[in-house]
């Protein structure tokens, strides 16, 4: 069993989920649905294109000045 990262954001009325390690993206009308769809899309992708070495992304934050 492999563990992957999911980045989820909301666009209007859908949730978009992305797996940066595999480059897969999916969506759903709920957070949970987007995660299930991402898992399925990633499983199908990896069947065809197995990853030789999974590399964890680095998650950090940065500041951008607010302009009035």
PDB file of N, CA and C in Angstrom:
ATOM      1  N   UNK A   1       0.853  -1.177   0.000  1.00  0.00           N
ATOM      2  CA  UNK A   1       0.000   0.000   0.000  1.00  0.00           C
ATOM      3  C   UNK A   1       0.896   1.237   0.000  1.00  0.00           C
ATOM      4  N   UNK A   2       0.649   2.150  -0.923  1.00  0.00           N
ATOM      5  CA  UNK A   2       1.393   3.402  -1.003  1.00  0.00           C
ATOM      6  C   UNK A   2       0.530   4.556  -0.502  1.00  0.00           C
ATOM      7  N   UNK A   3       1.165   5.536   0.083  1.00  0.00           N
ATOM      8  CA  UNK A   3       0.463   6.731   0.552  1.00  0.00           C
ATOM      9  C   UNK A   3       0.846   7.892  -0.355  1.00  0.00           C
ATOM     10  N   UNK A   4      -0.157   8.604  -0.853  1.00  0.00           N
ATOM     11  CA  UNK A   4       0.050   9.731  -1.743  1.00  0.00           C
ATOM     12  C   UNK A   4      -0.552  10.991  -1.132  1.00  0.00           C
ATOM     13  N   UNK A   5      -0.154  12.121  -1.661  1.00  0.00           N
ATOM     14  CA  UNK A   5      -0.645  13.423  -1.219  1.00  0.00           C
ATOM     15  C   UNK A   5      -1.841  13.828  -2.060  1.00  0.00           C
ATOM     16  N   UNK A   6      -2.825  14.451  -1.432  1.00  0.00           N
ATOM     17  CA  UNK A   6      -3.971  15.015  -2.148  1.00  0.00           C
ATOM     18  C   UNK A   6      -4.078  16.492  -1.804  1.00  0.00           C
ATOM     19  N   UNK A   7      -4.210  17.306  -2.835  1.00  0.00           N
ATOM     20  CA  UNK A   7      -4.451  18.735  -2.659  1.00  0.00           C
ATOM     21  C   UNK A   7      -5.851  18.990  -3.199  1.00  0.00           C
ATOM     22  N   UNK A   8      -6.718  19.525  -2.354  1.00  0.00           N
ATOM     23  CA  UNK A   8      -8.115  19.724  -2.740  1.00  0.00           C
ATOM     24  C   UNK A   8      -8.475  21.193  -2.598  1.00  0.00           C
ATOM     25  N   UNK A   9      -9.133  21.717  -3.620  1.00  0.00           N
ATOM     26  CA  UNK A   9      -9.649  23.084  -3.523  1.00  0.00           C
ATOM     27  C   UNK A   9     -11.031  23.136  -4.161  1.00  0.00           C
ATOM     28  N   UNK A  10     -11.771  24.146  -3.790  1.00  0.00           N
ATOM     29  CA  UNK A  10     -13.140  24.291  -4.276  1.00  0.00           C
ATOM     30  C   UNK A  10     -13.173  25.300  -5.417  1.00  0.00           C
ATOM     31  N   UNK A  11     -13.832  24.924  -6.497  1.00  0.00           N
ATOM     32  CA  UNK A  11     -14.057  25.812  -7.637  1.00  0.00           C
ATOM     33  C   UNK A  11     -15.568  25.895  -7.854  1.00  0.00           C
ATOM     34  N   UNK A  12     -16.131  27.021  -7.458  1.00  0.00           N
ATOM     35  CA  UNK A  12     -17.587  27.229  -7.533  1.00  0.00           C
ATOM     36  C   UNK A  12     -18.317  26.121  -6.793  1.00  0.00           C
ATOM     37  N   UNK A  13     -18.993  25.215  -7.492  1.00  0.00           N
ATOM     38  CA  UNK A  13     -19.792  24.193  -6.814  1.00  0.00           C
ATOM     39  C   UNK A  13     -19.176  22.798  -6.878  1.00  0.00           C
ATOM     40  N   UNK A  14     -17.883  22.679  -7.231  1.00  0.00           N
ATOM     41  CA  UNK A  14     -17.222  21.373  -7.249  1.00  0.00           C
ATOM     42  C   UNK A  14     -15.915  21.432  -6.463  1.00  0.00           C
ATOM     43  N   UNK A  15     -15.467  20.271  -6.038  1.00  0.00           N
ATOM     44  CA  UNK A  15     -14.173  20.121  -5.389  1.00  0.00           C
ATOM     45  C   UNK A  15     -13.221  19.471  -6.389  1.00  0.00           C
ATOM     46  N   UNK A  16     -12.050  20.046  -6.537  1.00  0.00           N
ATOM     47  CA  UNK A  16     -11.029  19.528  -7.437  1.00  0.00           C
ATOM     48  C   UNK A  16      -9.904  18.955  -6.582  1.00  0.00           C
ATOM     49  N   UNK A  17      -9.547  17.704  -6.832  1.00  0.00           N
ATOM     50  CA  UNK A  17      -8.510  17.025  -6.067  1.00  0.00           C
ATOM     51  C   UNK A  17      -7.358  16.648  -6.995  1.00  0.00           C
ATOM     52  N   UNK A  18      -6.130  16.870  -6.527  1.00  0.00           N
ATOM     53  CA  UNK A  18      -4.941  16.602  -7.332  1.00  0.00           C
ATOM     54  C   UNK A  18      -3.948  15.780  -6.530  1.00  0.00           C
ATOM     55  N   UNK A  19      -3.312  14.826  -7.183  1.00  0.00           N
ATOM     56  CA  UNK A  19      -2.235  14.048  -6.581  1.00  0.00           C
ATOM     57  C   UNK A  19      -0.937  14.480  -7.256  1.00  0.00           C
ATOM     58  N   UNK A  20      -0.097  15.276  -6.579  1.00  0.00           N
ATOM     59  CA  UNK A  20       1.117  15.788  -7.226  1.00  0.00           C
ATOM     60  C   UNK A  20       2.143  14.711  -7.567  1.00  0.00           C
ATOM     61  N   UNK A  21       2.204  13.632  -6.810  1.00  0.00           N
ATOM     62  CA  UNK A  21       3.178  12.580  -7.097  1.00  0.00           C
ATOM     63  C   UNK A  21       2.904  11.907  -8.442  1.00  0.00           C
ATOM     64  N   UNK A  22       1.630  11.654  -8.740  1.00  0.00           N
ATOM     65  CA  UNK A  22       1.267  10.963  -9.981  1.00  0.00           C
ATOM     66  C   UNK A  22       0.834  11.925 -11.075  1.00  0.00           C
ATOM     67  N   UNK A  23       0.461  13.147 -10.697  1.00  0.00           N
ATOM     68  CA  UNK A  23      -0.025  14.110 -11.681  1.00  0.00           C
ATOM     69  C   UNK A  23      -1.474  13.899 -12.058  1.00  0.00           C
ATOM     70  N   UNK A  24      -2.209  13.150 -11.256  1.00  0.00           N
ATOM     71  CA  UNK A  24      -3.618  12.891 -11.540  1.00  0.00           C
ATOM     72  C   UNK A  24      -4.500  13.959 -10.895  1.00  0.00           C
ATOM     73  N   UNK A  25      -5.637  14.205 -11.538  1.00  0.00           N
ATOM     74  CA  UNK A  25      -6.594  15.198 -11.060  1.00  0.00           C
ATOM     75  C   UNK A  25      -7.986  14.630 -11.250  1.00  0.00           C
ATOM     76  N   UNK A  26      -8.872  14.907 -10.310  1.00  0.00           N
ATOM     77  CA  UNK A  26     -10.270  14.507 -10.439  1.00  0.00           C
ATOM     78  C   UNK A  26     -11.132  15.526  -9.724  1.00  0.00           C
ATOM     79  N   UNK A  27     -12.425  15.318  -9.763  1.00  0.00           N
ATOM     80  CA  UNK A  27     -13.347  16.263  -9.136  1.00  0.00           C
ATOM     81  C   UNK A  27     -14.566  15.528  -8.605  1.00  0.00           C
ATOM     82  N   UNK A  28     -15.357  16.241  -7.806  1.00  0.00           N
ATOM     83  CA  UNK A  28     -16.597  15.697  -7.275  1.00  0.00           C
ATOM     84  C   UNK A  28     -17.443  16.812  -6.711  1.00  0.00           C
ATOM     85  N   UNK A  29     -18.704  16.513  -6.483  1.00  0.00           N
ATOM     86  CA  UNK A  29     -19.607  17.528  -5.945  1.00  0.00           C
ATOM     87  C   UNK A  29     -19.432  17.716  -4.437  1.00  0.00           C
ATOM     88  N   UNK A  30     -18.740  16.760  -3.785  1.00  0.00           N
ATOM     89  CA  UNK A  30     -18.395  16.887  -2.365  1.00  0.00           C
ATOM     90  C   UNK A  30     -16.896  16.606  -2.212  1.00  0.00           C
ATOM     91  N   UNK A  31     -16.353  16.983  -1.073  1.00  0.00           N
ATOM     92  CA  UNK A  31     -14.950  16.690  -0.779  1.00  0.00           C
ATOM     93  C   UNK A  31     -14.705  15.188  -0.847  1.00  0.00           C
ATOM     94  N   UNK A  32     -15.574  14.427  -0.208  1.00  0.00           N
ATOM     95  CA  UNK A  32     -15.420  12.976  -0.153  1.00  0.00           C
ATOM     96  C   UNK A  32     -15.472  12.361  -1.545  1.00  0.00           C
ATOM     97  N   UNK A  33     -16.399  12.822  -2.381  1.00  0.00           N
ATOM     98  CA  UNK A  33     -16.523  12.298  -3.739  1.00  0.00           C
ATOM     99  C   UNK A  33     -15.269  12.617  -4.554  1.00  0.00           C
ATOM    100  N   UNK A  34     -14.724  13.809  -4.384  1.00  0.00           N
ATOM    101  CA  UNK A  34     -13.515  14.164  -5.129  1.00  0.00           C
ATOM    102  C   UNK A  34     -12.347  13.271  -4.704  1.00  0.00           C
ATOM    103  N   UNK A  35     -12.272  12.911  -3.429  1.00  0.00           N
ATOM    104  CA  UNK A  35     -11.199  12.043  -2.951  1.00  0.00           C
ATOM    105  C   UNK A  35     -11.351  10.617  -3.484  1.00  0.00           C
ATOM    106  N   UNK A  36     -12.573  10.099  -3.485  1.00  0.00           N
ATOM    107  CA  UNK A  36     -12.816   8.761  -4.032  1.00  0.00           C
ATOM    108  C   UNK A  36     -12.466   8.737  -5.514  1.00  0.00           C
ATOM    109  N   UNK A  37     -12.878   9.773  -6.242  1.00  0.00           N
ATOM    110  CA  UNK A  37     -12.587   9.847  -7.671  1.00  0.00           C
ATOM    111  C   UNK A  37     -11.091   9.979  -7.929  1.00  0.00           C
ATOM    112  N   UNK A  38     -10.385  10.742  -7.086  1.00  0.00           N
ATOM    113  CA  UNK A  38      -8.941  10.884  -7.242  1.00  0.00           C
ATOM    114  C   UNK A  38      -8.239   9.560  -6.980  1.00  0.00           C
ATOM    115  N   UNK A  39      -8.676   8.850  -5.967  1.00  0.00           N
ATOM    116  CA  UNK A  39      -8.076   7.553  -5.663  1.00  0.00           C
ATOM    117  C   UNK A  39      -8.257   6.602  -6.842  1.00  0.00           C
ATOM    118  N   UNK A  40      -9.452   6.552  -7.400  1.00  0.00           N
ATOM    119  CA  UNK A  40      -9.717   5.682  -8.541  1.00  0.00           C
ATOM    120  C   UNK A  40      -8.879   6.093  -9.759  1.00  0.00           C
ATOM    121  N   UNK A  41      -8.825   7.389 -10.043  1.00  0.00           N
ATOM    122  CA  UNK A  41      -8.046   7.874 -11.184  1.00  0.00           C
ATOM    123  C   UNK A  41      -6.561   7.550 -11.001  1.00  0.00           C
ATOM    124  N   UNK A  42      -6.063   7.692  -9.788  1.00  0.00           N
ATOM    125  CA  UNK A  42      -4.655   7.418  -9.526  1.00  0.00           C
ATOM    126  C   UNK A  42      -4.358   5.935  -9.643  1.00  0.00           C
ATOM    127  N   UNK A  43      -5.244   5.086  -9.129  1.00  0.00           N
ATOM    128  CA  UNK A  43      -5.059   3.639  -9.260  1.00  0.00           C
ATOM    129  C   UNK A  43      -5.009   3.233 -10.730  1.00  0.00           C
ATOM    130  N   UNK A  44      -5.927   3.746 -11.533  1.00  0.00           N
ATOM    131  CA  UNK A  44      -5.964   3.410 -12.959  1.00  0.00           C
ATOM    132  C   UNK A  44      -4.715   3.917 -13.670  1.00  0.00           C
ATOM    133  N   UNK A  45      -4.279   5.119 -13.333  1.00  0.00           N
ATOM    134  CA  UNK A  45      -3.079   5.683 -13.943  1.00  0.00           C
ATOM    135  C   UNK A  45      -1.853   4.836 -13.616  1.00  0.00           C
ATOM    136  N   UNK A  46      -1.727   4.444 -12.344  1.00  0.00           N
ATOM    137  CA  UNK A  46      -0.550   3.690 -11.913  1.00  0.00           C
ATOM    138  C   UNK A  46      -0.522   2.277 -12.476  1.00  0.00           C
ATOM    139  N   UNK A  47      -1.675   1.718 -12.829  1.00  0.00           N
ATOM    140  CA  UNK A  47      -1.697   0.417 -13.498  1.00  0.00           C
ATOM    141  C   UNK A  47      -0.992   0.508 -14.846  1.00  0.00           C
ATOM    142  N   UNK A  48      -1.179   1.604 -15.531  1.00  0.00           N
ATOM    143  CA  UNK A  48      -0.604   1.804 -16.858  1.00  0.00           C
ATOM    144  C   UNK A  48       0.811   2.393 -16.797  1.00  0.00           C
ATOM    145  N   UNK A  49       1.033   3.293 -15.834  1.00  0.00           N
ATOM    146  CA  UNK A  49       2.311   4.004 -15.717  1.00  0.00           C
ATOM    147  C   UNK A  49       2.818   3.938 -14.278  1.00  0.00           C
ATOM    148  N   UNK A  50       3.384   2.803 -13.872  1.00  0.00           N
ATOM    149  CA  UNK A  50       3.860   2.689 -12.485  1.00  0.00           C
ATOM    150  C   UNK A  50       4.977   3.694 -12.189  1.00  0.00           C
ATOM    151  N   UNK A  51       4.957   4.216 -10.980  1.00  0.00           N
ATOM    152  CA  UNK A  51       6.005   5.139 -10.556  1.00  0.00           C
ATOM    153  C   UNK A  51       7.239   4.345 -10.166  1.00  0.00           C
ATOM    154  N   UNK A  52       8.388   4.759 -10.672  1.00  0.00           N
ATOM    155  CA  UNK A  52       9.633   4.077 -10.317  1.00  0.00           C
ATOM    156  C   UNK A  52      10.053   4.431  -8.900  1.00  0.00           C
ATOM    157  N   UNK A  53       9.867   5.710  -8.560  1.00  0.00           N
ATOM    158  CA  UNK A  53      10.210   6.169  -7.218  1.00  0.00           C
ATOM    159  C   UNK A  53       9.291   7.335  -6.879  1.00  0.00           C
ATOM    160  N   UNK A  54       8.534   7.186  -5.818  1.00  0.00           N
ATOM    161  CA  UNK A  54       7.639   8.263  -5.396  1.00  0.00           C
ATOM    162  C   UNK A  54       8.449   9.323  -4.661  1.00  0.00           C
ATOM    163  N   UNK A  55       8.247  10.553  -5.048  1.00  0.00           N
ATOM    164  CA  UNK A  55       8.933  11.675  -4.414  1.00  0.00           C
ATOM    165  C   UNK A  55       7.881  12.563  -3.754  1.00  0.00           C
ATOM    166  N   UNK A  56       7.989  12.732  -2.477  1.00  0.00           N
ATOM    167  CA  UNK A  56       7.032  13.560  -1.748  1.00  0.00           C
ATOM    168  C   UNK A  56       7.222  15.028  -2.093  1.00  0.00           C
ATOM    169  N   UNK A  57       6.116  15.726  -2.366  1.00  0.00           N
ATOM    170  CA  UNK A  57       6.231  17.156  -2.607  1.00  0.00           C
ATOM    171  C   UNK A  57       6.524  17.886  -1.298  1.00  0.00           C
ATOM    172  N   UNK A  58       7.084  19.059  -1.416  1.00  0.00           N
ATOM    173  CA  UNK A  58       7.337  19.899  -0.253  1.00  0.00           C
ATOM    174  C   UNK A  58       6.212  20.919  -0.171  1.00  0.00           C
ATOM    175  N   UNK A  59       5.519  20.936   0.933  1.00  0.00           N
ATOM    176  CA  UNK A  59       4.418  21.866   1.145  1.00  0.00           C
ATOM    177  C   UNK A  59       4.887  22.960   2.089  1.00  0.00           C
ATOM    178  N   UNK A  60       4.775  24.197   1.654  1.00  0.00           N
ATOM    179  CA  UNK A  60       5.193  25.329   2.472  1.00  0.00           C
ATOM    180  C   UNK A  60       4.266  26.507   2.177  1.00  0.00           C
ATOM    181  N   UNK A  61       4.503  27.609   2.821  1.00  0.00           N
ATOM    182  CA  UNK A  61       3.719  28.822   2.578  1.00  0.00           C
ATOM    183  C   UNK A  61       4.669  29.970   2.256  1.00  0.00           C
ATOM    184  N   UNK A  62       4.130  31.019   1.657  1.00  0.00           N
ATOM    185  CA  UNK A  62       4.900  32.219   1.405  1.00  0.00           C
ATOM    186  C   UNK A  62       3.967  33.411   1.429  1.00  0.00           C
ATOM    187  N   UNK A  63       4.522  34.597   1.596  1.00  0.00           N
ATOM    188  CA  UNK A  63       3.710  35.803   1.693  1.00  0.00           C
ATOM    189  C   UNK A  63       3.791  36.627   0.412  1.00  0.00           C
ATOM    190  N   UNK A  64       2.681  37.243   0.092  1.00  0.00           N
ATOM    191  CA  UNK A  64       2.598  38.190  -1.012  1.00  0.00           C
ATOM    192  C   UNK A  64       1.985  39.459  -0.443  1.00  0.00           C
ATOM    193  N   UNK A  65       2.600  40.619  -0.664  1.00  0.00           N
ATOM    194  CA  UNK A  65       2.050  41.850  -0.099  1.00  0.00           C
ATOM    195  C   UNK A  65       0.629  42.128  -0.626  1.00  0.00           C
ATOM    196  N   UNK A  66      -0.216  42.564   0.269  1.00  0.00           N
ATOM    197  CA  UNK A  66      -1.589  42.946  -0.114  1.00  0.00           C
ATOM    198  C   UNK A  66      -1.566  44.379  -0.594  1.00  0.00           C
ATOM    199  N   UNK A  67      -2.153  44.602  -1.740  1.00  0.00           N
ATOM    200  CA  UNK A  67      -2.220  45.952  -2.302  1.00  0.00           C
ATOM    201  C   UNK A  67      -3.632  46.497  -2.113  1.00  0.00           C
ATOM    202  N   UNK A  68      -3.730  47.707  -1.617  1.00  0.00           N
ATOM    203  CA  UNK A  68      -5.031  48.306  -1.334  1.00  0.00           C
ATOM    204  C   UNK A  68      -5.713  48.788  -2.585  1.00  0.00           C
TER     205      UNK A  68
END
